[in-house]
């Protein structure tokens, strides 16, 4: 894992609703991986796997509510990370539990 404390600038288009200067790769791993799967490009996915490691990405994805991912993102995650099932949670439950970045 790298020691960088900020996301690379090329994440700006897929993290458009966040202030990148306040996004921590460690604290906001779930949001980063969710956005990468939903709207990211290959360079984002490669950075995520290189930074966190495949096992950590896999364990994070398993705990992302299925409703937070697009159908295509779910299929991609299952194929690339050998995931059989994801956690189900209503979107409103996830929103209530998440901290503001």
C-alpha atoms as a PDB file:
ATOM      1  CA  UNK A   1       0.000   0.000   0.000  1.00  0.00           C
ATOM      2  CA  UNK A   2       1.220   3.481  -0.838  1.00  0.00           C
ATOM      3  CA  UNK A   3       1.629   6.166   1.809  1.00  0.00           C
ATOM      4  CA  UNK A   4      -0.263   8.864  -0.085  1.00  0.00           C
ATOM      5  CA  UNK A   5      -2.736  10.790   2.054  1.00  0.00           C
ATOM      6  CA  UNK A   6      -4.768  12.165  -0.865  1.00  0.00           C
ATOM      7  CA  UNK A   7      -6.408  10.731  -3.924  1.00  0.00           C
ATOM      8  CA  UNK A   8      -4.740  11.439  -7.250  1.00  0.00           C
ATOM      9  CA  UNK A   9      -6.314  14.311  -9.157  1.00  0.00           C
ATOM     10  CA  UNK A  10      -7.627  11.964 -11.860  1.00  0.00           C
ATOM     11  CA  UNK A  11     -10.287  10.850  -9.329  1.00  0.00           C
ATOM     12  CA  UNK A  12     -11.914  14.299  -9.466  1.00  0.00           C
ATOM     13  CA  UNK A  13     -14.402  13.387 -12.259  1.00  0.00           C
ATOM     14  CA  UNK A  14     -15.704  10.324 -10.414  1.00  0.00           C
ATOM     15  CA  UNK A  15     -15.683  11.951  -6.970  1.00  0.00           C
ATOM     16  CA  UNK A  16     -17.333  15.139  -8.227  1.00  0.00           C
ATOM     17  CA  UNK A  17     -19.697  15.442  -5.248  1.00  0.00           C
ATOM     18  CA  UNK A  18     -16.830  15.397  -2.729  1.00  0.00           C
ATOM     19  CA  UNK A  19     -14.195  17.942  -1.798  1.00  0.00           C
ATOM     20  CA  UNK A  20     -11.107  15.924  -2.779  1.00  0.00           C
ATOM     21  CA  UNK A  21      -8.949  17.832  -0.313  1.00  0.00           C
ATOM     22  CA  UNK A  22     -11.086  16.333   2.480  1.00  0.00           C
ATOM     23  CA  UNK A  23     -11.250  12.775   1.140  1.00  0.00           C
ATOM     24  CA  UNK A  24      -8.945  10.376   2.945  1.00  0.00           C
ATOM     25  CA  UNK A  25      -8.021   7.179   1.086  1.00  0.00           C
ATOM     26  CA  UNK A  26      -8.090   5.338   4.422  1.00  0.00           C
ATOM     27  CA  UNK A  27     -11.201   6.825   6.026  1.00  0.00           C
ATOM     28  CA  UNK A  28     -13.259   6.975   2.828  1.00  0.00           C
ATOM     29  CA  UNK A  29     -12.333   3.634   1.289  1.00  0.00           C
ATOM     30  CA  UNK A  30     -15.978   2.599   0.841  1.00  0.00           C
ATOM     31  CA  UNK A  31     -16.946   5.775  -1.029  1.00  0.00           C
ATOM     32  CA  UNK A  32     -13.841   5.576  -3.213  1.00  0.00           C
ATOM     33  CA  UNK A  33     -14.431   1.948  -4.163  1.00  0.00           C
ATOM     34  CA  UNK A  34     -18.172   2.497  -4.702  1.00  0.00           C
ATOM     35  CA  UNK A  35     -17.580   5.435  -7.059  1.00  0.00           C
ATOM     36  CA  UNK A  36     -14.777   3.571  -8.827  1.00  0.00           C
ATOM     37  CA  UNK A  37     -17.028   0.588  -9.527  1.00  0.00           C
ATOM     38  CA  UNK A  38     -20.051   2.677 -10.500  1.00  0.00           C
ATOM     39  CA  UNK A  39     -18.486   5.324 -12.737  1.00  0.00           C
ATOM     40  CA  UNK A  40     -14.728   4.822 -12.793  1.00  0.00           C
ATOM     41  CA  UNK A  41     -12.424   3.893 -15.628  1.00  0.00           C
ATOM     42  CA  UNK A  42      -9.733   1.237 -15.756  1.00  0.00           C
ATOM     43  CA  UNK A  43      -7.110   3.686 -14.368  1.00  0.00           C
ATOM     44  CA  UNK A  44      -9.245   4.240 -11.241  1.00  0.00           C
ATOM     45  CA  UNK A  45      -9.726   0.527 -10.682  1.00  0.00           C
ATOM     46  CA  UNK A  46      -6.027  -0.150 -11.188  1.00  0.00           C
ATOM     47  CA  UNK A  47      -5.090   2.567  -8.668  1.00  0.00           C
ATOM     48  CA  UNK A  48      -7.585   1.202  -6.125  1.00  0.00           C
ATOM     49  CA  UNK A  49      -6.210  -2.354  -6.393  1.00  0.00           C
ATOM     50  CA  UNK A  50      -2.588  -1.162  -6.340  1.00  0.00           C
ATOM     51  CA  UNK A  51      -3.213   1.111  -3.337  1.00  0.00           C
ATOM     52  CA  UNK A  52      -5.391  -1.140  -1.149  1.00  0.00           C
ATOM     53  CA  UNK A  53      -4.540  -4.623  -2.401  1.00  0.00           C
ATOM     54  CA  UNK A  54      -6.986  -7.073  -3.943  1.00  0.00           C
ATOM     55  CA  UNK A  55      -7.987  -8.725  -0.651  1.00  0.00           C
ATOM     56  CA  UNK A  56      -8.862  -5.431   1.046  1.00  0.00           C
ATOM     57  CA  UNK A  57     -10.835  -4.265  -1.985  1.00  0.00           C
ATOM     58  CA  UNK A  58     -12.711  -7.567  -2.006  1.00  0.00           C
ATOM     59  CA  UNK A  59     -13.561  -7.403   1.708  1.00  0.00           C
ATOM     60  CA  UNK A  60     -14.714  -3.794   1.333  1.00  0.00           C
ATOM     61  CA  UNK A  61     -16.932  -4.594  -1.662  1.00  0.00           C
ATOM     62  CA  UNK A  62     -18.601  -7.443   0.225  1.00  0.00           C
ATOM     63  CA  UNK A  63     -19.746  -4.907   2.834  1.00  0.00           C
ATOM     64  CA  UNK A  64     -20.997  -2.277   0.387  1.00  0.00           C
ATOM     65  CA  UNK A  65     -24.803  -2.392   0.262  1.00  0.00           C
ATOM     66  CA  UNK A  66     -25.883  -3.954  -3.017  1.00  0.00           C
ATOM     67  CA  UNK A  67     -28.276  -1.047  -3.536  1.00  0.00           C
ATOM     68  CA  UNK A  68     -25.312   1.381  -3.655  1.00  0.00           C
ATOM     69  CA  UNK A  69     -23.935  -0.270  -6.798  1.00  0.00           C
ATOM     70  CA  UNK A  70     -25.232  -0.245 -10.345  1.00  0.00           C
ATOM     71  CA  UNK A  71     -26.079  -3.655 -11.849  1.00  0.00           C
ATOM     72  CA  UNK A  72     -23.055  -3.477 -14.161  1.00  0.00           C
ATOM     73  CA  UNK A  73     -20.797  -2.580 -11.233  1.00  0.00           C
ATOM     74  CA  UNK A  74     -22.079  -5.575  -9.289  1.00  0.00           C
ATOM     75  CA  UNK A  75     -21.340  -7.893 -12.210  1.00  0.00           C
ATOM     76  CA  UNK A  76     -17.851  -6.395 -12.599  1.00  0.00           C
ATOM     77  CA  UNK A  77     -17.077  -6.704  -8.882  1.00  0.00           C
ATOM     78  CA  UNK A  78     -18.261 -10.300  -8.782  1.00  0.00           C
ATOM     79  CA  UNK A  79     -16.178 -11.234 -11.815  1.00  0.00           C
ATOM     80  CA  UNK A  80     -12.966  -9.405 -10.896  1.00  0.00           C
ATOM     81  CA  UNK A  81     -12.942 -10.101  -7.179  1.00  0.00           C
ATOM     82  CA  UNK A  82     -14.585 -13.547  -7.055  1.00  0.00           C
ATOM     83  CA  UNK A  83     -17.511 -12.340  -4.955  1.00  0.00           C
ATOM     84  CA  UNK A  84     -20.639 -14.471  -4.724  1.00  0.00           C
ATOM     85  CA  UNK A  85     -22.994 -12.230  -2.758  1.00  0.00           C
ATOM     86  CA  UNK A  86     -23.081  -8.661  -1.507  1.00  0.00           C
ATOM     87  CA  UNK A  87     -24.681  -7.249   1.607  1.00  0.00           C
ATOM     88  CA  UNK A  88     -28.217  -5.994   1.120  1.00  0.00           C
ATOM     89  CA  UNK A  89     -29.275  -2.797   2.845  1.00  0.00           C
ATOM     90  CA  UNK A  90     -31.801  -0.212   1.850  1.00  0.00           C
ATOM     91  CA  UNK A  91     -30.287   2.964   0.438  1.00  0.00           C
ATOM     92  CA  UNK A  92     -31.951   5.077   3.155  1.00  0.00           C
ATOM     93  CA  UNK A  93     -30.344   2.958   5.908  1.00  0.00           C
ATOM     94  CA  UNK A  94     -26.918   3.472   4.323  1.00  0.00           C
ATOM     95  CA  UNK A  95     -27.427   7.236   4.009  1.00  0.00           C
ATOM     96  CA  UNK A  96     -28.486   7.554   7.656  1.00  0.00           C
ATOM     97  CA  UNK A  97     -25.413   5.628   8.848  1.00  0.00           C
ATOM     98  CA  UNK A  98     -22.772   7.322   6.703  1.00  0.00           C
ATOM     99  CA  UNK A  99     -20.646  10.163   7.979  1.00  0.00           C
ATOM    100  CA  UNK A 100     -20.375  13.384   6.028  1.00  0.00           C
ATOM    101  CA  UNK A 101     -17.115  13.866   4.202  1.00  0.00           C
END
